């Protein structure tokens, strides 16, 4: 940046061309960092993971409005981040929360049988549009969910119009994503990542799109600067979207030529001027990360060893009277620690005093902060994971709401001696 001038890549001058070349290079570098072959995947730069999720959700809503039902079916896992849960509000009530891995497996084995079960509407209408989303790793407990589900959805005849969205934000922090994208035929249709969670800087996100599925996104209604080839505002209202042209030749087409210029799916989805300085910084971050750590496999091995060591030491911490100090939340009694296929480098816990009563999590975070130890406390944007771990019944959640508990620093840590986070 000291030696070069960079400009808006939507222009043709020297600084703009330089920016465009940098952006294209970093885009491919990021795809290869994640093990996603640029021939089969495209990468859309977004402000954060949530922006990528919203882009998918808005596209499905806009497309569904053109169908007979006027909506789409949405299924999500109970460990989903709040940003995934929020998609349900765009479905006109056609959504379902899977309460366990077992329930997902049963649905995948026989979707039609589950669709006839009167307890819930699991199956999209025949030939109807659907979206199934889940996190690769719970951002609450660190538990890693099966990556095989995305391929199972695609190979299911009853779910032929159901697409998959994998939230990789937590998973990508300490795990290589090569297993996610190695086989394009079983990879998720859409996957979101957060670069700051991996590198610390820059504050960027990305939506990785399977090119054979990208046509869904190009059917969204909104368009921003830089995503269209022409726009009419006088004498008729029409526009020509770059991304739609990229998807037209094939189901999820690779390119379509426009004279001397060709467009990819991302060209129709990145609204406005890209944060090209941040993208430039991302390229440097990837290079430095690889130089320091060698590979994400090395990061995975190291953090796996750290997490199992932390878990084992916390598990056996006691007060002088022998009572345990830590209540650690796991779904398999901690057996996943040490196996990077099952557990990430996250430990979810509450602390207990010598009398066996919970210590308010806000106090724990404050005291830890004073001693230079930084933890995250509260609801952690994982409502299903939190209240499953705390074994809350629906009425207890309603009681917490009635007591004016809320997420964030103004929350109430304990209600009738039970933690709320």
Protein backbone atom coordinates (compact mmCIF):
# COMPACT_ATOMS: atom_id res chain seq x y z
CA UNK A 1 0.00 0.00 0.00
CA UNK A 2 2.97 2.32 0.49
CA UNK A 3 4.23 1.65 -3.02
CA UNK A 4 0.97 1.43 -4.98
CA UNK A 5 -2.26 3.35 -5.45
CA UNK A 6 -5.45 1.28 -5.52
CA UNK A 7 -8.85 2.38 -6.80
CA UNK A 8 -12.44 1.23 -7.28
CA UNK A 9 -12.13 -2.01 -9.29
CA UNK A 10 -15.33 -1.17 -11.20
CA UNK A 11 -13.34 1.38 -13.23
CA UNK A 12 -10.75 0.87 -15.97
CA UNK A 13 -7.95 3.26 -14.91
CA UNK A 14 -4.58 2.05 -13.70
CA UNK A 15 -5.25 1.99 -9.93
CA UNK A 16 -8.65 0.38 -10.55
CA UNK A 17 -7.16 -2.32 -12.77
CA UNK A 18 -4.51 -2.98 -10.13
CA UNK A 19 -7.22 -3.42 -7.49
CA UNK A 20 -9.19 -5.76 -9.74
CA UNK A 21 -6.16 -7.96 -10.28
CA UNK A 22 -5.48 -8.09 -6.54
CA UNK A 23 -9.09 -8.99 -5.76
CA UNK A 24 -9.14 -11.76 -8.36
CA UNK A 25 -5.86 -13.16 -7.09
CA UNK A 26 -6.90 -13.13 -3.44
CA UNK A 27 -10.26 -14.68 -4.31
CA UNK A 28 -8.53 -17.67 -5.89
CA UNK A 29 -5.95 -17.82 -3.08
CA UNK A 30 -8.74 -17.97 -0.49
CA UNK A 31 -10.56 -20.72 -2.38
CA UNK A 32 -7.39 -22.80 -2.53
CA UNK A 33 -6.70 -22.13 1.17
CA UNK A 34 -10.06 -23.77 1.90
CA UNK A 35 -9.45 -26.60 -0.55
CA UNK A 36 -12.23 -25.45 -2.89
CA UNK A 37 -11.36 -25.94 -6.56
CA UNK A 38 -12.05 -22.66 -8.43
CA UNK A 39 -13.38 -24.71 -11.34
CA UNK A 40 -16.29 -25.86 -9.19
CA UNK A 41 -16.66 -23.14 -6.56
CA UNK A 42 -16.92 -19.37 -6.51
CA UNK A 43 -16.23 -17.07 -3.58
CA UNK A 44 -18.34 -14.02 -2.82
CA UNK A 45 -16.78 -11.44 -0.50
CA UNK A 46 -19.20 -10.23 2.19
CA UNK A 47 -18.84 -8.18 5.36
CA UNK A 48 -19.17 -11.20 7.68
CA UNK A 49 -20.65 -14.70 7.88
CA UNK A 50 -24.10 -13.36 8.72
CA UNK A 51 -24.10 -11.28 5.53
CA UNK A 52 -23.40 -14.45 3.55
CA UNK A 53 -26.26 -16.26 5.29
CA UNK A 54 -28.61 -13.35 4.61
CA UNK A 55 -27.64 -13.31 0.95
CA UNK A 56 -28.70 -16.94 0.65
CA UNK A 57 -31.89 -16.38 2.66
CA UNK A 58 -32.96 -13.34 0.64
CA UNK A 59 -32.35 -15.20 -2.61
CA UNK A 60 -34.50 -18.15 -1.53
CA UNK A 61 -37.26 -15.81 -0.38
CA UNK A 62 -37.24 -13.92 -3.68
CA UNK A 63 -37.25 -17.09 -5.75
CA UNK A 64 -39.98 -18.70 -3.63
CA UNK A 65 -42.29 -15.73 -4.19
CA UNK A 66 -42.43 -16.76 -7.85
CA UNK A 67 -43.63 -20.29 -7.02
CA UNK A 68 -47.17 -21.55 -6.47
CA UNK A 69 -46.69 -21.87 -2.70
CA UNK A 70 -45.09 -18.44 -2.44
CA UNK A 71 -42.59 -19.70 0.12
CA UNK A 72 -39.84 -22.24 0.72
CA UNK A 73 -39.28 -24.91 3.35
CA UNK A 74 -36.42 -24.43 5.79
CA UNK A 75 -34.86 -26.95 8.16
CA UNK A 76 -32.13 -26.11 10.65
CA UNK A 77 -30.28 -27.91 13.43
CA UNK A 78 -30.80 -26.89 17.05
CA UNK A 79 -27.08 -26.08 17.32
CA UNK A 80 -27.48 -23.37 14.67
CA UNK A 81 -26.11 -19.89 15.24
CA UNK A 82 -28.75 -17.18 15.69
CA UNK A 83 -28.05 -15.97 12.16
CA UNK A 84 -29.13 -19.35 10.77
CA UNK A 85 -32.19 -19.47 13.01
CA UNK A 86 -33.32 -16.09 11.67
CA UNK A 87 -33.92 -17.52 8.18
CA UNK A 88 -37.09 -19.19 9.48
CA UNK A 89 -38.83 -15.78 9.57
CA UNK A 90 -38.74 -15.64 5.77
CA UNK A 91 -40.58 -18.95 5.27
CA UNK A 92 -44.15 -18.03 6.28
CA UNK A 93 -44.05 -20.69 8.96
CA UNK A 94 -42.68 -23.49 6.77
CA UNK A 95 -39.67 -24.28 8.95
CA UNK A 96 -38.55 -27.01 11.30
CA UNK A 97 -35.82 -27.19 13.96
CA UNK A 98 -34.15 -30.60 14.15
CA UNK A 99 -33.62 -31.32 17.83
CA UNK A 100 -30.83 -33.89 17.42
CA UNK A 101 -28.43 -35.54 14.99
CA UNK A 102 -30.58 -38.67 15.17
CA UNK A 103 -33.62 -36.76 13.95
CA UNK A 104 -31.64 -35.45 10.98
CA UNK A 105 -30.41 -38.95 10.14
CA UNK A 106 -33.95 -40.35 10.23
CA UNK A 107 -35.16 -37.56 7.98
CA UNK A 108 -32.38 -38.24 5.49
CA UNK A 109 -33.07 -41.97 5.50
CA UNK A 110 -36.76 -41.53 4.71
CA UNK A 111 -37.88 -37.94 4.13
CA UNK A 112 -41.28 -38.97 2.78
CA UNK A 113 -42.12 -40.95 5.91
CA UNK A 114 -41.22 -38.00 8.12
CA UNK A 115 -43.21 -35.68 5.90
CA UNK A 116 -46.35 -37.66 6.67
CA UNK A 117 -45.77 -37.48 10.42
CA UNK A 118 -48.44 -35.19 11.83
CA UNK A 119 -46.15 -33.78 14.53
CA UNK A 120 -44.27 -31.52 12.17
CA UNK A 121 -43.97 -30.46 8.56
CA UNK A 122 -40.56 -31.81 7.66
CA UNK A 123 -40.75 -32.32 3.94
CA UNK A 124 -40.97 -29.56 1.37
CA UNK A 125 -44.01 -29.83 -0.87
CA UNK A 126 -43.50 -32.24 -3.81
CA UNK A 127 -40.88 -30.68 -6.06
CA UNK A 128 -40.91 -27.67 -3.73
CA UNK A 129 -37.99 -25.43 -2.91
CA UNK A 130 -36.17 -26.20 0.35
CA UNK A 131 -33.07 -25.23 2.31
CA UNK A 132 -31.36 -27.24 5.05
CA UNK A 133 -28.77 -25.43 7.18
CA UNK A 134 -26.52 -26.41 10.05
CA UNK A 135 -23.15 -25.47 11.56
CA UNK A 136 -20.02 -27.47 10.90
CA UNK A 137 -19.17 -26.76 14.54
CA UNK A 138 -21.34 -25.53 17.38
CA UNK A 139 -20.12 -22.09 18.37
CA UNK A 140 -21.34 -22.88 21.90
CA UNK A 141 -19.85 -26.27 22.76
CA UNK A 142 -17.36 -26.79 19.93
CA UNK A 143 -19.02 -30.07 18.96
CA UNK A 144 -18.52 -30.85 15.29
CA UNK A 145 -21.47 -32.05 13.26
CA UNK A 146 -21.39 -34.60 10.41
CA UNK A 147 -20.17 -33.22 7.10
CA UNK A 148 -21.87 -36.09 5.27
CA UNK A 149 -25.34 -34.57 5.52
CA UNK A 150 -24.83 -32.20 2.59
CA UNK A 151 -24.09 -35.06 0.22
CA UNK A 152 -26.97 -37.11 1.63
CA UNK A 153 -29.43 -34.30 0.87
CA UNK A 154 -28.19 -34.00 -2.71
CA UNK A 155 -28.42 -37.75 -3.35
CA UNK A 156 -31.98 -37.99 -1.98
CA UNK A 157 -34.61 -38.10 -4.73
CA UNK A 158 -37.41 -36.66 -2.53
CA UNK A 159 -35.12 -33.74 -1.64
CA UNK A 160 -33.95 -32.96 -5.16
CA UNK A 161 -34.94 -29.29 -4.81
CA UNK A 162 -33.60 -28.91 -1.27
CA UNK A 163 -30.27 -27.10 -1.06
CA UNK A 164 -27.73 -27.03 1.77
CA UNK A 165 -26.10 -24.19 3.67
CA UNK A 166 -23.15 -25.05 5.93
CA UNK A 167 -22.04 -22.49 8.51
CA UNK A 168 -18.25 -22.93 8.63
CA UNK A 169 -17.46 -19.83 10.70
CA UNK A 170 -16.57 -21.73 13.88
CA UNK A 171 -15.24 -24.83 12.12
CA UNK A 172 -12.77 -22.93 9.93
CA UNK A 173 -11.05 -21.31 12.92
CA UNK A 174 -9.02 -24.43 13.76
CA UNK A 175 -9.85 -26.97 11.06
CA UNK A 176 -8.94 -27.35 7.40
CA UNK A 177 -11.99 -27.21 5.14
CA UNK A 178 -10.58 -29.56 2.51
CA UNK A 179 -12.93 -32.37 3.65
CA UNK A 180 -15.87 -30.01 3.08
CA UNK A 181 -15.01 -29.12 -0.52
CA UNK A 182 -12.92 -32.11 -1.66
CA UNK A 183 -15.80 -33.67 -3.60
CA UNK A 184 -17.98 -31.10 -5.41
CA UNK A 185 -20.76 -33.68 -5.73
CA UNK A 186 -21.17 -33.95 -1.94
CA UNK A 187 -20.09 -30.45 -0.94
CA UNK A 188 -22.60 -27.94 0.45
CA UNK A 189 -24.32 -25.73 -2.06
CA UNK A 190 -23.42 -22.71 0.07
CA UNK A 191 -20.91 -22.28 2.90
CA UNK A 192 -20.07 -19.18 4.91
CA UNK A 193 -16.78 -18.33 6.59
CA UNK A 194 -15.37 -15.49 8.67
CA UNK A 195 -11.78 -14.48 7.96
CA UNK A 196 -11.23 -12.57 11.20
CA UNK A 197 -11.94 -15.76 13.15
CA UNK A 198 -9.06 -17.43 11.32
CA UNK A 199 -6.53 -14.64 10.92
CA UNK A 200 -7.60 -11.94 13.39
CA UNK A 201 -7.47 -9.37 10.58
CA UNK A 202 -9.07 -8.31 8.27
CA UNK A 203 -12.76 -8.08 9.18
CA UNK A 204 -14.18 -9.88 6.16
CA UNK A 205 -16.42 -12.81 5.42
CA UNK A 206 -17.10 -14.97 2.41
CA UNK A 207 -19.84 -17.08 0.93
CA UNK A 208 -18.45 -20.05 -0.97
CA UNK A 209 -20.87 -21.11 -3.69
CA UNK A 210 -20.98 -24.40 -5.54
CA UNK A 211 -21.17 -23.22 -9.14
CA UNK A 212 -23.77 -25.82 -10.09
CA UNK A 213 -26.04 -24.24 -7.46
CA UNK A 214 -25.20 -20.59 -7.97
CA UNK A 215 -28.17 -19.87 -10.24
CA UNK A 216 -30.36 -19.75 -7.11
CA UNK A 217 -28.54 -16.66 -5.84
CA UNK A 218 -28.68 -14.84 -9.15
CA UNK A 219 -32.50 -14.82 -8.99
CA UNK A 220 -32.62 -12.40 -6.07
CA UNK A 221 -34.48 -9.14 -6.64
CA UNK A 222 -32.09 -6.54 -5.24
CA UNK A 223 -29.12 -5.32 -7.23
CA UNK A 224 -26.40 -2.91 -6.19
CA UNK A 225 -23.70 -0.92 -7.92
CA UNK A 226 -21.27 -3.02 -9.91
CA UNK A 227 -23.58 -6.04 -10.22
CA UNK A 228 -25.39 -5.01 -13.42
CA UNK A 229 -24.35 -4.43 -17.01
CA UNK A 230 -27.24 -2.04 -17.73
CA UNK A 231 -30.03 -0.34 -15.75
CA UNK A 232 -33.01 1.60 -17.09
CA UNK A 233 -34.68 4.26 -14.94
CA UNK A 234 -36.39 6.29 -17.68
CA UNK A 235 -38.83 4.92 -20.23
CA UNK A 236 -39.13 1.57 -18.49
CA UNK A 237 -37.62 -0.16 -15.50
CA UNK A 238 -35.35 -3.05 -16.39
CA UNK A 239 -31.83 -4.18 -15.63
CA UNK A 240 -29.34 -6.81 -16.76
CA UNK A 241 -27.58 -8.63 -13.95
CA UNK A 242 -24.02 -9.86 -14.35
CA UNK A 243 -24.48 -12.88 -12.12
CA UNK A 244 -27.56 -14.10 -13.97
CA UNK A 245 -25.64 -14.00 -17.22
CA UNK A 246 -22.94 -16.10 -15.59
CA UNK A 247 -25.49 -18.74 -14.59
CA UNK A 248 -27.59 -18.80 -17.76
CA UNK A 249 -25.52 -21.03 -20.08
CA UNK A 250 -25.59 -23.99 -17.67
CA UNK A 251 -27.50 -24.95 -14.52
CA UNK A 252 -24.83 -23.22 -12.54
CA UNK A 253 -22.72 -22.11 -15.45
CA UNK A 254 -19.10 -21.20 -15.34
CA UNK A 255 -18.93 -18.16 -17.59
CA UNK A 256 -20.72 -16.25 -20.31
CA UNK A 257 -18.74 -13.96 -22.57
CA UNK A 258 -19.74 -10.33 -23.18
CA UNK A 259 -17.34 -9.14 -25.81
CA UNK A 260 -14.00 -8.67 -24.13
CA UNK A 261 -15.48 -9.30 -20.68
CA UNK A 262 -16.80 -12.42 -19.00
CA UNK A 263 -18.65 -12.65 -15.70
CA UNK A 264 -18.69 -15.07 -12.79
CA UNK A 265 -21.47 -15.62 -10.26
CA UNK A 266 -19.80 -13.33 -7.70
CA UNK A 267 -19.96 -10.42 -10.15
CA UNK A 268 -23.72 -10.23 -9.68
CA UNK A 269 -23.65 -10.60 -5.89
CA UNK A 270 -20.98 -8.23 -4.56
CA UNK A 271 -22.99 -5.03 -4.20
CA UNK A 272 -21.14 -1.73 -4.34
CA UNK A 273 -17.44 -1.09 -4.07
CA UNK A 274 -15.56 -4.02 -2.61
CA UNK A 275 -13.36 -3.34 0.45
CA UNK A 276 -10.32 -3.83 -1.74
CA UNK A 277 -7.82 -2.68 0.89
CA UNK A 278 -9.14 -5.33 3.28
CA UNK A 279 -9.01 -7.91 0.52
CA UNK A 280 -5.40 -6.92 -0.15
CA UNK A 281 -4.71 -7.44 3.57
CA UNK A 282 -6.42 -10.83 3.41
CA UNK A 283 -3.94 -12.00 0.80
CA UNK A 284 -1.08 -11.02 3.11
CA UNK A 285 -2.81 -12.70 6.07
CA UNK A 286 -3.08 -16.01 4.20
CA UNK A 287 0.60 -15.88 3.25
CA UNK A 288 1.75 -15.06 6.79
CA UNK A 289 -0.53 -17.71 8.29
CA UNK A 290 0.90 -20.40 6.01
CA UNK A 291 4.44 -19.24 6.69
CA UNK A 292 3.94 -19.37 10.47
CA UNK A 293 1.87 -22.53 10.82
CA UNK A 294 2.51 -24.48 7.63
CA UNK A 295 -1.06 -25.69 7.24
CA UNK A 296 -4.45 -25.77 8.92
CA UNK A 297 -3.74 -29.43 9.72
CA UNK A 298 -0.94 -28.25 12.01
CA UNK A 299 -3.29 -25.74 13.63
CA UNK A 300 -5.87 -28.48 14.11
CA UNK A 301 -3.43 -30.86 15.78
CA UNK A 302 -2.08 -28.20 18.12
CA UNK A 303 -5.46 -26.82 19.18
CA UNK A 304 -6.83 -30.35 19.63
CA UNK A 305 -4.02 -31.10 22.07
CA UNK A 306 -4.58 -27.83 23.90
CA UNK A 307 -8.32 -28.38 24.22
CA UNK A 308 -8.12 -31.92 25.59
CA UNK A 309 -5.49 -30.79 28.09
CA UNK A 310 -7.72 -27.91 29.20
CA UNK A 311 -10.79 -30.14 29.41
CA UNK A 312 -9.04 -32.82 31.47
CA UNK A 313 -7.58 -30.30 33.92
CA UNK A 314 -10.84 -28.40 34.35
CA UNK A 315 -12.79 -31.61 34.79
CA UNK A 316 -10.83 -32.58 37.90
CA UNK A 317 -10.60 -29.16 39.56
CA UNK A 318 -12.27 -29.21 42.98
CA UNK A 319 -12.79 -26.98 46.00
CA UNK A 320 -11.13 -27.84 49.30
CA UNK A 321 -14.26 -29.75 50.34
CA UNK A 322 -14.05 -31.96 47.24
CA UNK A 323 -16.93 -30.37 45.33
CA UNK A 324 -16.28 -29.79 41.62
CA UNK A 325 -15.38 -26.30 40.47
CA UNK A 326 -16.44 -26.67 36.83
CA UNK A 327 -19.62 -27.86 35.15
CA UNK A 328 -18.54 -28.63 31.59
CA UNK A 329 -21.20 -29.02 28.91
CA UNK A 330 -20.69 -31.88 26.45
CA UNK A 331 -23.08 -34.26 24.71
CA UNK A 332 -20.79 -37.31 24.96
CA UNK A 333 -19.23 -36.99 28.42
CA UNK A 334 -16.17 -35.39 26.87
CA UNK A 335 -15.24 -38.35 24.68
CA UNK A 336 -15.04 -36.08 21.64
CA UNK A 337 -12.08 -34.14 23.03
CA UNK A 338 -8.93 -35.33 21.31
CA UNK A 339 -10.79 -36.24 18.10
CA UNK A 340 -10.88 -33.28 15.68
CA UNK A 341 -13.66 -34.96 13.69
CA UNK A 342 -15.97 -34.66 16.70
CA UNK A 343 -14.76 -31.69 18.74
CA UNK A 344 -13.25 -28.27 18.12
CA UNK A 345 -11.06 -26.22 20.43
CA UNK A 346 -13.91 -24.87 22.56
CA UNK A 347 -14.85 -25.70 26.15
CA UNK A 348 -18.29 -24.57 27.40
CA UNK A 349 -18.62 -24.40 31.17
CA UNK A 350 -20.05 -22.74 34.25
CA UNK A 351 -18.26 -22.39 37.58
CA UNK A 352 -19.63 -23.54 40.94
CA UNK A 353 -18.80 -22.27 44.40
CA UNK A 354 -17.84 -24.51 47.33
CA UNK A 355 -21.52 -24.93 48.20
CA UNK A 356 -22.36 -26.27 44.74
CA UNK A 357 -24.15 -23.10 43.59
CA UNK A 358 -23.53 -21.53 40.21
CA UNK A 359 -21.34 -18.44 40.09
CA UNK A 360 -22.86 -15.77 37.78
CA UNK A 361 -21.16 -16.01 34.40
CA UNK A 362 -20.87 -12.21 34.25
CA UNK A 363 -18.75 -12.32 37.42
CA UNK A 364 -16.58 -15.08 35.96
CA UNK A 365 -15.93 -13.08 32.79
CA UNK A 366 -15.18 -9.91 34.76
CA UNK A 367 -12.71 -11.60 37.10
CA UNK A 368 -11.05 -13.52 34.26
CA UNK A 369 -10.70 -10.28 32.31
CA UNK A 370 -9.00 -8.62 35.28
CA UNK A 371 -6.42 -11.42 35.22
CA UNK A 372 -5.77 -11.23 31.49
CA UNK A 373 -7.85 -14.30 30.63
CA UNK A 374 -10.45 -13.60 27.97
CA UNK A 375 -13.60 -15.72 27.79
CA UNK A 376 -16.97 -15.25 26.17
CA UNK A 377 -20.03 -15.56 28.37
CA UNK A 378 -23.81 -15.39 28.04
CA UNK A 379 -26.04 -16.69 25.29
CA UNK A 380 -23.22 -16.76 22.71
CA UNK A 381 -25.72 -16.48 19.81
CA UNK A 382 -26.53 -20.19 20.02
CA UNK A 383 -30.00 -20.37 21.59
CA UNK A 384 -30.73 -24.02 20.87
CA UNK A 385 -27.33 -25.18 22.06
CA UNK A 386 -27.41 -23.06 25.21
CA UNK A 387 -30.83 -24.05 26.44
CA UNK A 388 -30.32 -27.71 25.54
CA UNK A 389 -27.10 -27.74 27.55
CA UNK A 390 -28.80 -26.00 30.48
CA UNK A 391 -31.72 -28.47 30.18
CA UNK A 392 -34.28 -25.67 30.03
CA UNK A 393 -37.93 -26.47 29.49
CA UNK A 394 -39.95 -24.02 27.35
CA UNK A 395 -41.65 -22.58 30.43
CA UNK A 396 -38.26 -21.84 32.01
CA UNK A 397 -37.19 -19.92 28.92
CA UNK A 398 -40.44 -17.96 29.09
CA UNK A 399 -39.79 -17.29 32.78
CA UNK A 400 -36.36 -15.88 31.94
CA UNK A 401 -37.94 -13.62 29.35
CA UNK A 402 -40.58 -12.47 31.85
CA UNK A 403 -37.79 -11.66 34.30
CA UNK A 404 -36.39 -9.27 31.65
CA UNK A 405 -33.36 -11.43 30.91
CA UNK A 406 -31.78 -10.65 27.56
CA UNK A 407 -28.69 -11.52 25.59
CA UNK A 408 -25.71 -9.26 26.05
CA UNK A 409 -24.08 -7.43 28.96
CA UNK A 410 -27.45 -6.49 30.49
CA UNK A 411 -28.53 -10.11 30.88
CA UNK A 412 -29.35 -11.77 34.20
CA UNK A 413 -26.77 -14.48 34.90
CA UNK A 414 -28.87 -16.48 37.37
CA UNK A 415 -32.63 -16.89 37.80
CA UNK A 416 -33.66 -18.92 40.85
CA UNK A 417 -30.10 -20.27 41.10
CA UNK A 418 -30.11 -21.54 37.50
CA UNK A 419 -27.72 -20.05 34.93
CA UNK A 420 -29.10 -18.40 31.82
CA UNK A 421 -25.87 -18.79 29.88
